[in-house]
Amino acid sequence: MAALPVFRWRLAPDGYATRRQLRAQGLRPGGQGVAAQLERPRRRRGPLVAYLYRLDLAKPIRPMTPGRWAALAKANRARRTCPACRRDAGYVIPASLGMCVPCAYPDPADPSRSV
């Protein structure tokens, strides 16, 4: 296996891009492997590494279909639904609590929120 070319930070030649740069251009890696890497030296730790992909092998991003939009909406709705009271919290339920904030910290003066 050949070693990847390594470039210093901000000194990569034209024709390479990170995943974020590809996405900004409406592209995706499209199954190609990592073509090169950038390294940014740091003090007291290993270097920061960014993987680069070839632009000429990148493919256009796949458009969102109605089925994909529906699946995404269903997944987001499930992340907002409290498992204790089964209500839509209006925000993503924190994993640290596992339930909406009113269920995790009930107000003893509010009888309508008894679980």
PDB file of N, CA and C in Angstrom:
ATOM      1  N   MET A   1       0.832  -1.179   0.000  1.00  0.00           N
ATOM      2  CA  MET A   1       0.000   0.000   0.000  1.00  0.00           C
ATOM      3  C   MET A   1       0.882   1.249   0.000  1.00  0.00           C
ATOM      4  N   ALA A   2       0.600   2.160  -0.902  1.00  0.00           N
ATOM      5  CA  ALA A   2       1.384   3.384  -1.011  1.00  0.00           C
ATOM      6  C   ALA A   2       0.951   4.374   0.068  1.00  0.00           C
ATOM      7  N   ALA A   3       1.902   5.126   0.567  1.00  0.00           N
ATOM      8  CA  ALA A   3       1.592   6.125   1.589  1.00  0.00           C
ATOM      9  C   ALA A   3       0.867   7.304   0.952  1.00  0.00           C
ATOM     10  N   LEU A   4       0.009   7.914   1.726  1.00  0.00           N
ATOM     11  CA  LEU A   4      -0.726   9.082   1.247  1.00  0.00           C
ATOM     12  C   LEU A   4       0.196  10.286   1.178  1.00  0.00           C
ATOM     13  N   PRO A   5       0.017  11.145   0.169  1.00  0.00           N
ATOM     14  CA  PRO A   5       0.766  12.408   0.175  1.00  0.00           C
ATOM     15  C   PRO A   5       0.311  13.267   1.357  1.00  0.00           C
ATOM     16  N   VAL A   6       1.246  13.889   2.009  1.00  0.00           N
ATOM     17  CA  VAL A   6       0.946  14.737   3.164  1.00  0.00           C
ATOM     18  C   VAL A   6       1.364  16.160   2.821  1.00  0.00           C
ATOM     19  N   PHE A   7       0.430  17.091   3.021  1.00  0.00           N
ATOM     20  CA  PHE A   7       0.688  18.509   2.754  1.00  0.00           C
ATOM     21  C   PHE A   7       0.553  19.276   4.061  1.00  0.00           C
ATOM     22  N   ARG A   8       1.275  20.377   4.149  1.00  0.00           N
ATOM     23  CA  ARG A   8       1.128  21.237   5.315  1.00  0.00           C
ATOM     24  C   ARG A   8      -0.174  22.011   5.200  1.00  0.00           C
ATOM     25  N   TRP A   9      -0.671  22.430   6.347  1.00  0.00           N
ATOM     26  CA  TRP A   9      -1.938  23.149   6.422  1.00  0.00           C
ATOM     27  C   TRP A   9      -1.958  24.342   5.474  1.00  0.00           C
ATOM     28  N   ARG A  10      -3.014  24.477   4.694  1.00  0.00           N
ATOM     29  CA  ARG A  10      -3.256  25.552   3.727  1.00  0.00           C
ATOM     30  C   ARG A  10      -2.335  25.508   2.506  1.00  0.00           C
ATOM     31  N   LEU A  11      -1.589  24.421   2.321  1.00  0.00           N
ATOM     32  CA  LEU A  11      -0.677  24.344   1.186  1.00  0.00           C
ATOM     33  C   LEU A  11      -0.991  23.172   0.256  1.00  0.00           C
ATOM     34  N   ALA A  12      -2.227  22.715   0.250  1.00  0.00           N
ATOM     35  CA  ALA A  12      -2.604  21.627  -0.654  1.00  0.00           C
ATOM     36  C   ALA A  12      -2.721  22.168  -2.077  1.00  0.00           C
ATOM     37  N   PRO A  13      -2.319  21.385  -3.071  1.00  0.00           N
ATOM     38  CA  PRO A  13      -2.445  21.840  -4.451  1.00  0.00           C
ATOM     39  C   PRO A  13      -3.902  21.839  -4.906  1.00  0.00           C
ATOM     40  N   ASP A  14      -4.162  22.513  -6.009  1.00  0.00           N
ATOM     41  CA  ASP A  14      -5.511  22.525  -6.579  1.00  0.00           C
ATOM     42  C   ASP A  14      -5.899  21.103  -6.981  1.00  0.00           C
ATOM     43  N   GLY A  15      -7.192  20.837  -6.976  1.00  0.00           N
ATOM     44  CA  GLY A  15      -7.670  19.524  -7.362  1.00  0.00           C
ATOM     45  C   GLY A  15      -8.002  18.632  -6.190  1.00  0.00           C
ATOM     46  N   TYR A  16      -7.760  19.099  -4.959  1.00  0.00           N
ATOM     47  CA  TYR A  16      -8.098  18.353  -3.755  1.00  0.00           C
ATOM     48  C   TYR A  16      -9.059  19.177  -2.914  1.00  0.00           C
ATOM     49  N   ALA A  17      -9.921  18.500  -2.161  1.00  0.00           N
ATOM     50  CA  ALA A  17     -10.851  19.202  -1.273  1.00  0.00           C
ATOM     51  C   ALA A  17     -11.241  18.291  -0.118  1.00  0.00           C
ATOM     52  N   THR A  18     -11.584  18.907   1.021  1.00  0.00           N
ATOM     53  CA  THR A  18     -12.091  18.155   2.162  1.00  0.00           C
ATOM     54  C   THR A  18     -13.566  17.843   1.918  1.00  0.00           C
ATOM     55  N   ARG A  19     -14.151  17.024   2.779  1.00  0.00           N
ATOM     56  CA  ARG A  19     -15.577  16.701   2.643  1.00  0.00           C
ATOM     57  C   ARG A  19     -16.433  17.968   2.728  1.00  0.00           C
ATOM     58  N   ARG A  20     -16.108  18.853   3.635  1.00  0.00           N
ATOM     59  CA  ARG A  20     -16.880  20.092   3.757  1.00  0.00           C
ATOM     60  C   ARG A  20     -16.768  20.947   2.506  1.00  0.00           C
ATOM     61  N   GLN A  21     -15.580  21.026   1.944  1.00  0.00           N
ATOM     62  CA  GLN A  21     -15.396  21.807   0.730  1.00  0.00           C
ATOM     63  C   GLN A  21     -16.147  21.171  -0.438  1.00  0.00           C
ATOM     64  N   LEU A  22     -16.138  19.840  -0.505  1.00  0.00           N
ATOM     65  CA  LEU A  22     -16.904  19.156  -1.544  1.00  0.00           C
ATOM     66  C   LEU A  22     -18.389  19.468  -1.397  1.00  0.00           C
ATOM     67  N   ARG A  23     -18.889  19.374  -0.174  1.00  0.00           N
ATOM     68  CA  ARG A  23     -20.308  19.613   0.079  1.00  0.00           C
ATOM     69  C   ARG A  23     -20.699  21.039  -0.292  1.00  0.00           C
ATOM     70  N   ALA A  24     -19.844  22.003  -0.022  1.00  0.00           N
ATOM     71  CA  ALA A  24     -20.114  23.406  -0.361  1.00  0.00           C
ATOM     72  C   ALA A  24     -20.220  23.600  -1.867  1.00  0.00           C
ATOM     73  N   GLN A  25     -19.562  22.717  -2.624  1.00  0.00           N
ATOM     74  CA  GLN A  25     -19.610  22.789  -4.085  1.00  0.00           C
ATOM     75  C   GLN A  25     -20.689  21.885  -4.669  1.00  0.00           C
ATOM     76  N   GLY A  26     -21.489  21.239  -3.794  1.00  0.00           N
ATOM     77  CA  GLY A  26     -22.545  20.359  -4.267  1.00  0.00           C
ATOM     78  C   GLY A  26     -22.026  19.000  -4.695  1.00  0.00           C
ATOM     79  N   LEU A  27     -20.903  18.570  -4.121  1.00  0.00           N
ATOM     80  CA  LEU A  27     -20.287  17.294  -4.492  1.00  0.00           C
ATOM     81  C   LEU A  27     -20.153  16.397  -3.272  1.00  0.00           C
ATOM     82  N   ARG A  28     -19.847  15.120  -3.527  1.00  0.00           N
ATOM     83  CA  ARG A  28     -19.572  14.134  -2.483  1.00  0.00           C
ATOM     84  C   ARG A  28     -18.403  13.293  -2.954  1.00  0.00           C
ATOM     85  N   PRO A  29     -17.705  12.581  -2.054  1.00  0.00           N
ATOM     86  CA  PRO A  29     -16.564  11.770  -2.488  1.00  0.00           C
ATOM     87  C   PRO A  29     -16.945  10.695  -3.504  1.00  0.00           C
ATOM     88  N   GLY A  30     -18.134  10.136  -3.387  1.00  0.00           N
ATOM     89  CA  GLY A  30     -18.595   9.186  -4.398  1.00  0.00           C
ATOM     90  C   GLY A  30     -17.859   7.862  -4.393  1.00  0.00           C
ATOM     91  N   GLY A  31     -17.480   7.355  -3.230  1.00  0.00           N
ATOM     92  CA  GLY A  31     -16.846   6.052  -3.143  1.00  0.00           C
ATOM     93  C   GLY A  31     -15.336   6.055  -3.268  1.00  0.00           C
ATOM     94  N   GLN A  32     -14.752   7.152  -3.626  1.00  0.00           N
ATOM     95  CA  GLN A  32     -13.286   7.196  -3.729  1.00  0.00           C
ATOM     96  C   GLN A  32     -12.655   7.209  -2.343  1.00  0.00           C
ATOM     97  N   GLY A  33     -11.483   6.682  -2.249  1.00  0.00           N
ATOM     98  CA  GLY A  33     -10.763   6.682  -0.983  1.00  0.00           C
ATOM     99  C   GLY A  33     -10.085   8.017  -0.749  1.00  0.00           C
ATOM    100  N   VAL A  34      -9.496   8.160   0.411  1.00  0.00           N
ATOM    101  CA  VAL A  34      -8.759   9.377   0.746  1.00  0.00           C
ATOM    102  C   VAL A  34      -7.549   9.466  -0.177  1.00  0.00           C
ATOM    103  N   ALA A  35      -7.377  10.622  -0.815  1.00  0.00           N
ATOM    104  CA  ALA A  35      -6.298  10.788  -1.788  1.00  0.00           C
ATOM    105  C   ALA A  35      -5.046  11.414  -1.166  1.00  0.00           C
ATOM    106  N   ALA A  36      -5.233  12.243  -0.152  1.00  0.00           N
ATOM    107  CA  ALA A  36      -4.098  12.919   0.497  1.00  0.00           C
ATOM    108  C   ALA A  36      -4.567  13.403   1.864  1.00  0.00           C
ATOM    109  N   GLN A  37      -3.655  13.974   2.600  1.00  0.00           N
ATOM    110  CA  GLN A  37      -4.051  14.537   3.885  1.00  0.00           C
ATOM    111  C   GLN A  37      -3.267  15.802   4.173  1.00  0.00           C
ATOM    112  N   LEU A  38      -3.921  16.677   4.929  1.00  0.00           N
ATOM    113  CA  LEU A  38      -3.291  17.897   5.416  1.00  0.00           C
ATOM    114  C   LEU A  38      -2.913  17.674   6.865  1.00  0.00           C
ATOM    115  N   GLU A  39      -1.808  18.234   7.281  1.00  0.00           N
ATOM    116  CA  GLU A  39      -1.421  18.165   8.676  1.00  0.00           C
ATOM    117  C   GLU A  39      -1.092  19.556   9.191  1.00  0.00           C
ATOM    118  N   ARG A  40      -1.683  19.871  10.319  1.00  0.00           N
ATOM    119  CA  ARG A  40      -1.405  21.146  10.973  1.00  0.00           C
ATOM    120  C   ARG A  40      -0.692  20.845  12.274  1.00  0.00           C
ATOM    121  N   PRO A  41       0.565  21.247  12.397  1.00  0.00           N
ATOM    122  CA  PRO A  41       1.303  20.937  13.624  1.00  0.00           C
ATOM    123  C   PRO A  41       0.708  21.654  14.832  1.00  0.00           C
ATOM    124  N   ARG A  42       0.813  20.972  15.986  1.00  0.00           N
ATOM    125  CA  ARG A  42       0.361  21.540  17.257  1.00  0.00           C
ATOM    126  C   ARG A  42       1.439  21.314  18.303  1.00  0.00           C
ATOM    127  N   ARG A  43       1.453  22.153  19.292  1.00  0.00           N
ATOM    128  CA  ARG A  43       2.412  21.977  20.386  1.00  0.00           C
ATOM    129  C   ARG A  43       1.890  20.916  21.353  1.00  0.00           C
ATOM    130  N   ARG A  44       2.765  20.112  21.831  1.00  0.00           N
ATOM    131  CA  ARG A  44       2.499  19.126  22.877  1.00  0.00           C
ATOM    132  C   ARG A  44       1.529  18.019  22.483  1.00  0.00           C
ATOM    133  N   ARG A  45       1.030  18.002  21.264  1.00  0.00           N
ATOM    134  CA  ARG A  45       0.114  16.945  20.825  1.00  0.00           C
ATOM    135  C   ARG A  45       0.424  16.608  19.379  1.00  0.00           C
ATOM    136  N   GLY A  46      -0.200  15.561  18.900  1.00  0.00           N
ATOM    137  CA  GLY A  46      -0.035  15.193  17.502  1.00  0.00           C
ATOM    138  C   GLY A  46      -0.679  16.214  16.585  1.00  0.00           C
ATOM    139  N   PRO A  47      -0.357  16.165  15.312  1.00  0.00           N
ATOM    140  CA  PRO A  47      -0.902  17.165  14.395  1.00  0.00           C
ATOM    141  C   PRO A  47      -2.389  16.956  14.125  1.00  0.00           C
ATOM    142  N   LEU A  48      -3.082  18.045  13.796  1.00  0.00           N
ATOM    143  CA  LEU A  48      -4.455  17.954  13.315  1.00  0.00           C
ATOM    144  C   LEU A  48      -4.397  17.438  11.888  1.00  0.00           C
ATOM    145  N   VAL A  49      -5.286  16.521  11.552  1.00  0.00           N
ATOM    146  CA  VAL A  49      -5.269  15.909  10.228  1.00  0.00           C
ATOM    147  C   VAL A  49      -6.597  16.163   9.535  1.00  0.00           C
ATOM    148  N   ALA A  50      -6.543  16.541   8.271  1.00  0.00           N
ATOM    149  CA  ALA A  50      -7.731  16.695   7.437  1.00  0.00           C
ATOM    150  C   ALA A  50      -7.525  15.843   6.183  1.00  0.00           C
ATOM    151  N   TYR A  51      -8.511  15.024   5.861  1.00  0.00           N
ATOM    152  CA  TYR A  51      -8.398  14.152   4.695  1.00  0.00           C
ATOM    153  C   TYR A  51      -8.897  14.864   3.446  1.00  0.00           C
ATOM    154  N   LEU A  52      -8.203  14.632   2.350  1.00  0.00           N
ATOM    155  CA  LEU A  52      -8.528  15.285   1.084  1.00  0.00           C
ATOM    156  C   LEU A  52      -8.974  14.258   0.055  1.00  0.00           C
ATOM    157  N   TYR A  53      -9.892  14.685  -0.804  1.00  0.00           N
ATOM    158  CA  TYR A  53     -10.419  13.853  -1.882  1.00  0.00           C
ATOM    159  C   TYR A  53     -10.188  14.574  -3.201  1.00  0.00           C
ATOM    160  N   ARG A  54     -10.079  13.793  -4.269  1.00  0.00           N
ATOM    161  CA  ARG A  54      -9.840  14.384  -5.589  1.00  0.00           C
ATOM    162  C   ARG A  54     -11.131  14.965  -6.144  1.00  0.00           C
ATOM    163  N   LEU A  55     -11.048  16.178  -6.653  1.00  0.00           N
ATOM    164  CA  LEU A  55     -12.221  16.838  -7.216  1.00  0.00           C
ATOM    165  C   LEU A  55     -12.687  16.188  -8.519  1.00  0.00           C
ATOM    166  N   ASP A  56     -11.740  15.682  -9.317  1.00  0.00           N
ATOM    167  CA  ASP A  56     -12.135  15.116 -10.606  1.00  0.00           C
ATOM    168  C   ASP A  56     -12.887  13.791 -10.458  1.00  0.00           C
ATOM    169  N   LEU A  57     -12.769  13.126  -9.312  1.00  0.00           N
ATOM    170  CA  LEU A  57     -13.484  11.874  -9.074  1.00  0.00           C
ATOM    171  C   LEU A  57     -14.757  12.067  -8.242  1.00  0.00           C
ATOM    172  N   ALA A  58     -14.985  13.281  -7.762  1.00  0.00           N
ATOM    173  CA  ALA A  58     -16.164  13.549  -6.943  1.00  0.00           C
ATOM    174  C   ALA A  58     -17.426  13.511  -7.791  1.00  0.00           C
ATOM    175  N   LYS A  59     -18.522  13.122  -7.152  1.00  0.00           N
ATOM    176  CA  LYS A  59     -19.818  13.023  -7.835  1.00  0.00           C
ATOM    177  C   LYS A  59     -20.790  14.024  -7.233  1.00  0.00           C
ATOM    178  N   PRO A  60     -21.839  14.380  -7.973  1.00  0.00           N
ATOM    179  CA  PRO A  60     -22.832  15.308  -7.414  1.00  0.00           C
ATOM    180  C   PRO A  60     -23.579  14.672  -6.238  1.00  0.00           C
ATOM    181  N   ILE A  61     -24.017  15.522  -5.306  1.00  0.00           N
ATOM    182  CA  ILE A  61     -24.773  15.001  -4.173  1.00  0.00           C
ATOM    183  C   ILE A  61     -26.113  14.479  -4.668  1.00  0.00           C
ATOM    184  N   ARG A  62     -26.642  13.488  -3.946  1.00  0.00           N
ATOM    185  CA  ARG A  62     -27.943  12.930  -4.312  1.00  0.00           C
ATOM    186  C   ARG A  62     -29.033  13.853  -3.784  1.00  0.00           C
ATOM    187  N   PRO A  63     -30.039  14.150  -4.595  1.00  0.00           N
ATOM    188  CA  PRO A  63     -31.100  15.046  -4.127  1.00  0.00           C
ATOM    189  C   PRO A  63     -31.995  14.347  -3.097  1.00  0.00           C
ATOM    190  N   MET A  64     -32.621  15.158  -2.254  1.00  0.00           N
ATOM    191  CA  MET A  64     -33.558  14.619  -1.271  1.00  0.00           C
ATOM    192  C   MET A  64     -34.872  14.286  -1.974  1.00  0.00           C
ATOM    193  N   THR A  65     -35.306  13.051  -1.838  1.00  0.00           N
ATOM    194  CA  THR A  65     -36.573  12.611  -2.408  1.00  0.00           C
ATOM    195  C   THR A  65     -37.670  12.804  -1.371  1.00  0.00           C
ATOM    196  N   PRO A  66     -38.941  12.760  -1.777  1.00  0.00           N
ATOM    197  CA  PRO A  66     -40.025  12.874  -0.792  1.00  0.00           C
ATOM    198  C   PRO A  66     -39.950  11.801   0.295  1.00  0.00           C
ATOM    199  N   GLY A  67     -39.538  10.602  -0.056  1.00  0.00           N
ATOM    200  CA  GLY A  67     -39.397   9.544   0.945  1.00  0.00           C
ATOM    201  C   GLY A  67     -38.305   9.843   1.957  1.00  0.00           C
ATOM    202  N   ARG A  68     -37.192  10.405   1.488  1.00  0.00           N
ATOM    203  CA  ARG A  68     -36.109  10.781   2.403  1.00  0.00           C
ATOM    204  C   ARG A  68     -36.545  11.910   3.330  1.00  0.00           C
ATOM    205  N   TRP A  69     -37.280  12.903   2.786  1.00  0.00           N
ATOM    206  CA  TRP A  69     -37.781  13.989   3.620  1.00  0.00           C
ATOM    207  C   TRP A  69     -38.713  13.436   4.692  1.00  0.00           C
ATOM    208  N   ALA A  70     -39.584  12.490   4.322  1.00  0.00           N
ATOM    209  CA  ALA A  70     -40.522  11.903   5.278  1.00  0.00           C
ATOM    210  C   ALA A  70     -39.776  11.129   6.366  1.00  0.00           C
ATOM    211  N   ALA A  71     -38.768  10.360   5.983  1.00  0.00           N
ATOM    212  CA  ALA A  71     -37.992   9.600   6.958  1.00  0.00           C
ATOM    213  C   ALA A  71     -37.246  10.530   7.908  1.00  0.00           C
ATOM    214  N   LEU A  72     -36.698  11.623   7.397  1.00  0.00           N
ATOM    215  CA  LEU A  72     -35.993  12.592   8.240  1.00  0.00           C
ATOM    216  C   LEU A  72     -36.958  13.257   9.218  1.00  0.00           C
ATOM    217  N   ALA A  73     -38.148  13.624   8.742  1.00  0.00           N
ATOM    218  CA  ALA A  73     -39.147  14.240   9.616  1.00  0.00           C
ATOM    219  C   ALA A  73     -39.579  13.270  10.713  1.00  0.00           C
ATOM    220  N   LYS A  74     -39.748  12.003  10.372  1.00  0.00           N
ATOM    221  CA  LYS A  74     -40.142  10.995  11.362  1.00  0.00           C
ATOM    222  C   LYS A  74     -39.056  10.805  12.418  1.00  0.00           C
ATOM    223  N   ALA A  75     -37.803  10.768  11.993  1.00  0.00           N
ATOM    224  CA  ALA A  75     -36.693  10.604  12.939  1.00  0.00           C
ATOM    225  C   ALA A  75     -36.589  11.812  13.867  1.00  0.00           C
ATOM    226  N   ASN A  76     -36.749  13.014  13.317  1.00  0.00           N
ATOM    227  CA  ASN A  76     -36.678  14.214  14.160  1.00  0.00           C
ATOM    228  C   ASN A  76     -37.850  14.288  15.129  1.00  0.00           C
ATOM    229  N   ARG A  77     -39.045  13.859  14.684  1.00  0.00           N
ATOM    230  CA  ARG A  77     -40.210  13.830  15.563  1.00  0.00           C
ATOM    231  C   ARG A  77     -39.977  12.856  16.728  1.00  0.00           C
ATOM    232  N   ALA A  78     -39.352  11.712  16.443  1.00  0.00           N
ATOM    233  CA  ALA A  78     -39.063  10.739  17.497  1.00  0.00           C
ATOM    234  C   ALA A  78     -38.059  11.293  18.504  1.00  0.00           C
ATOM    235  N   ARG A  79     -37.128  12.120  18.064  1.00  0.00           N
ATOM    236  CA  ARG A  79     -36.137  12.705  18.974  1.00  0.00           C
ATOM    237  C   ARG A  79     -36.757  13.776  19.873  1.00  0.00           C
ATOM    238  N   ARG A  80     -37.902  14.351  19.446  1.00  0.00           N
ATOM    239  CA  ARG A  80     -38.577  15.384  20.234  1.00  0.00           C
ATOM    240  C   ARG A  80     -39.662  14.821  21.152  1.00  0.00           C
ATOM    241  N   THR A  81     -40.077  13.564  20.956  1.00  0.00           N
ATOM    242  CA  THR A  81     -41.162  12.987  21.738  1.00  0.00           C
ATOM    243  C   THR A  81     -40.623  12.418  23.049  1.00  0.00           C
ATOM    244  N   CYS A  82     -41.214  12.865  24.145  1.00  0.00           N
ATOM    245  CA  CYS A  82     -40.793  12.407  25.472  1.00  0.00           C
ATOM    246  C   CYS A  82     -41.309  10.984  25.690  1.00  0.00           C
ATOM    247  N   PRO A  83     -40.444  10.042  26.086  1.00  0.00           N
ATOM    248  CA  PRO A  83     -40.915   8.681  26.320  1.00  0.00           C
ATOM    249  C   PRO A  83     -41.776   8.547  27.576  1.00  0.00           C
ATOM    250  N   ALA A  84     -41.684   9.491  28.490  1.00  0.00           N
ATOM    251  CA  ALA A  84     -42.456   9.409  29.726  1.00  0.00           C
ATOM    252  C   ALA A  84     -43.887   9.915  29.543  1.00  0.00           C
ATOM    253  N   CYS A  85     -44.046  11.107  28.963  1.00  0.00           N
ATOM    254  CA  CYS A  85     -45.394  11.688  28.827  1.00  0.00           C
ATOM    255  C   CYS A  85     -45.932  11.616  27.405  1.00  0.00           C
ATOM    256  N   ARG A  86     -45.119  11.160  26.449  1.00  0.00           N
ATOM    257  CA  ARG A  86     -45.500  10.987  25.040  1.00  0.00           C
ATOM    258  C   ARG A  86     -45.918  12.290  24.370  1.00  0.00           C
ATOM    259  N   ARG A  87     -45.440  13.416  24.861  1.00  0.00           N
ATOM    260  CA  ARG A  87     -45.740  14.722  24.250  1.00  0.00           C
ATOM    261  C   ARG A  87     -44.561  15.184  23.418  1.00  0.00           C
ATOM    262  N   ASP A  88     -44.860  16.028  22.414  1.00  0.00           N
ATOM    263  CA  ASP A  88     -43.805  16.662  21.628  1.00  0.00           C
ATOM    264  C   ASP A  88     -43.236  17.790  22.476  1.00  0.00           C
ATOM    265  N   ALA A  89     -41.967  17.672  22.845  1.00  0.00           N
ATOM    266  CA  ALA A  89     -41.347  18.660  23.722  1.00  0.00           C
ATOM    267  C   ALA A  89     -41.064  19.977  22.996  1.00  0.00           C
ATOM    268  N   GLY A  90     -40.986  19.960  21.682  1.00  0.00           N
ATOM    269  CA  GLY A  90     -40.668  21.167  20.934  1.00  0.00           C
ATOM    270  C   GLY A  90     -39.178  21.368  20.767  1.00  0.00           C
ATOM    271  N   TYR A  91     -38.378  20.465  21.326  1.00  0.00           N
ATOM    272  CA  TYR A  91     -36.928  20.501  21.212  1.00  0.00           C
ATOM    273  C   TYR A  91     -36.438  19.064  21.280  1.00  0.00           C
ATOM    274  N   VAL A  92     -35.197  18.844  20.907  1.00  0.00           N
ATOM    275  CA  VAL A  92     -34.628  17.495  20.965  1.00  0.00           C
ATOM    276  C   VAL A  92     -34.397  17.142  22.428  1.00  0.00           C
ATOM    277  N   ILE A  93     -34.913  15.978  22.830  1.00  0.00           N
ATOM    278  CA  ILE A  93     -34.787  15.520  24.215  1.00  0.00           C
ATOM    279  C   ILE A  93     -33.313  15.274  24.526  1.00  0.00           C
ATOM    280  N   PRO A  94     -32.767  15.863  25.595  1.00  0.00           N
ATOM    281  CA  PRO A  94     -31.359  15.634  25.935  1.00  0.00           C
ATOM    282  C   PRO A  94     -31.123  14.167  26.301  1.00  0.00           C
ATOM    283  N   ALA A  95     -30.068  13.591  25.760  1.00  0.00           N
ATOM    284  CA  ALA A  95     -29.739  12.198  26.056  1.00  0.00           C
ATOM    285  C   ALA A  95     -29.371  12.030  27.523  1.00  0.00           C
ATOM    286  N   SER A  96     -28.845  13.074  28.142  1.00  0.00           N
ATOM    287  CA  SER A  96     -28.460  12.981  29.553  1.00  0.00           C
ATOM    288  C   SER A  96     -29.678  12.829  30.458  1.00  0.00           C
ATOM    289  N   LEU A  97     -30.828  13.383  30.046  1.00  0.00           N
ATOM    290  CA  LEU A  97     -32.048  13.265  30.846  1.00  0.00           C
ATOM    291  C   LEU A  97     -32.884  12.063  30.424  1.00  0.00           C
ATOM    292  N   GLY A  98     -32.982  11.830  29.122  1.00  0.00           N
ATOM    293  CA  GLY A  98     -33.786  10.730  28.616  1.00  0.00           C
ATOM    294  C   GLY A  98     -35.265  11.044  28.576  1.00  0.00           C
ATOM    295  N   MET A  99     -35.658  12.244  28.970  1.00  0.00           N
ATOM    296  CA  MET A  99     -37.052  12.675  28.952  1.00  0.00           C
ATOM    297  C   MET A  99     -37.071  14.193  28.919  1.00  0.00           C
ATOM    298  N   CYS A 100     -38.256  14.767  28.708  1.00  0.00           N
ATOM    299  CA  CYS A 100     -38.348  16.222  28.649  1.00  0.00           C
ATOM    300  C   CYS A 100     -38.028  16.811  30.024  1.00  0.00           C
ATOM    301  N   VAL A 101     -37.688  18.067  30.061  1.00  0.00           N
ATOM    302  CA  VAL A 101     -37.274  18.722  31.297  1.00  0.00           C
ATOM    303  C   VAL A 101     -38.401  18.722  32.337  1.00  0.00           C
ATOM    304  N   PRO A 102     -39.673  19.026  31.976  1.00  0.00           N
ATOM    305  CA  PRO A 102     -40.727  18.971  32.998  1.00  0.00           C
ATOM    306  C   PRO A 102     -40.908  17.572  33.610  1.00  0.00           C
ATOM    307  N   CYS A 103     -40.683  16.517  32.842  1.00  0.00           N
ATOM    308  CA  CYS A 103     -40.792  15.158  33.401  1.00  0.00           C
ATOM    309  C   CYS A 103     -39.573  14.817  34.255  1.00  0.00           C
ATOM    310  N   ALA A 104     -38.412  15.307  33.869  1.00  0.00           N
ATOM    311  CA  ALA A 104     -37.197  15.024  34.625  1.00  0.00           C
ATOM    312  C   ALA A 104     -37.169  15.784  35.937  1.00  0.00           C
ATOM    313  N   TYR A 105     -37.672  17.009  35.933  1.00  0.00           N
ATOM    314  CA  TYR A 105     -37.705  17.847  37.129  1.00  0.00           C
ATOM    315  C   TYR A 105     -39.138  18.333  37.340  1.00  0.00           C
ATOM    316  N   PRO A 106     -40.029  17.479  37.839  1.00  0.00           N
ATOM    317  CA  PRO A 106     -41.435  17.880  37.976  1.00  0.00           C
ATOM    318  C   PRO A 106     -41.614  18.983  39.016  1.00  0.00           C
ATOM    319  N   ASP A 107     -42.580  19.845  38.725  1.00  0.00           N
ATOM    320  CA  ASP A 107     -42.925  20.927  39.647  1.00  0.00           C
ATOM    321  C   ASP A 107     -44.032  20.411  40.559  1.00  0.00           C
ATOM    322  N   PRO A 108     -43.786  20.311  41.865  1.00  0.00           N
ATOM    323  CA  PRO A 108     -44.803  19.754  42.764  1.00  0.00           C
ATOM    324  C   PRO A 108     -46.068  20.615  42.824  1.00  0.00           C
ATOM    325  N   ALA A 109     -45.991  21.878  42.445  1.00  0.00           N
ATOM    326  CA  ALA A 109     -47.145  22.756  42.487  1.00  0.00           C
ATOM    327  C   ALA A 109     -48.024  22.631  41.253  1.00  0.00           C
ATOM    328  N   ASP A 110     -47.565  21.908  40.205  1.00  0.00           N
ATOM    329  CA  ASP A 110     -48.312  21.791  38.951  1.00  0.00           C
ATOM    330  C   ASP A 110     -48.910  20.378  38.855  1.00  0.00           C
ATOM    331  N   PRO A 111     -50.203  20.219  39.186  1.00  0.00           N
ATOM    332  CA  PRO A 111     -50.807  18.874  39.151  1.00  0.00           C
ATOM    333  C   PRO A 111     -51.074  18.369  37.729  1.00  0.00           C
ATOM    334  N   SER A 112     -51.055  19.241  36.719  1.00  0.00           N
ATOM    335  CA  SER A 112     -51.337  18.803  35.348  1.00  0.00           C
ATOM    336  C   SER A 112     -50.180  18.043  34.740  1.00  0.00           C
ATOM    337  N   ARG A 113     -48.978  18.166  35.292  1.00  0.00           N
ATOM    338  CA  ARG A 113     -47.802  17.500  34.736  1.00  0.00           C
ATOM    339  C   ARG A 113     -47.409  16.276  35.561  1.00  0.00           C
ATOM    340  N   SER A 114     -48.334  15.654  36.215  1.00  0.00           N
ATOM    341  CA  SER A 114     -47.993  14.443  36.980  1.00  0.00           C
ATOM    342  C   SER A 114     -47.865  13.259  36.047  1.00  0.00           C
ATOM    343  N   VAL A 115     -46.792  12.507  36.182  1.00  0.00           N
ATOM    344  CA  VAL A 115     -46.515  11.378  35.292  1.00  0.00           C
ATOM    345  C   VAL A 115     -46.611  10.090  36.071  1.00  0.00           C
TER     346      VAL A 115
END
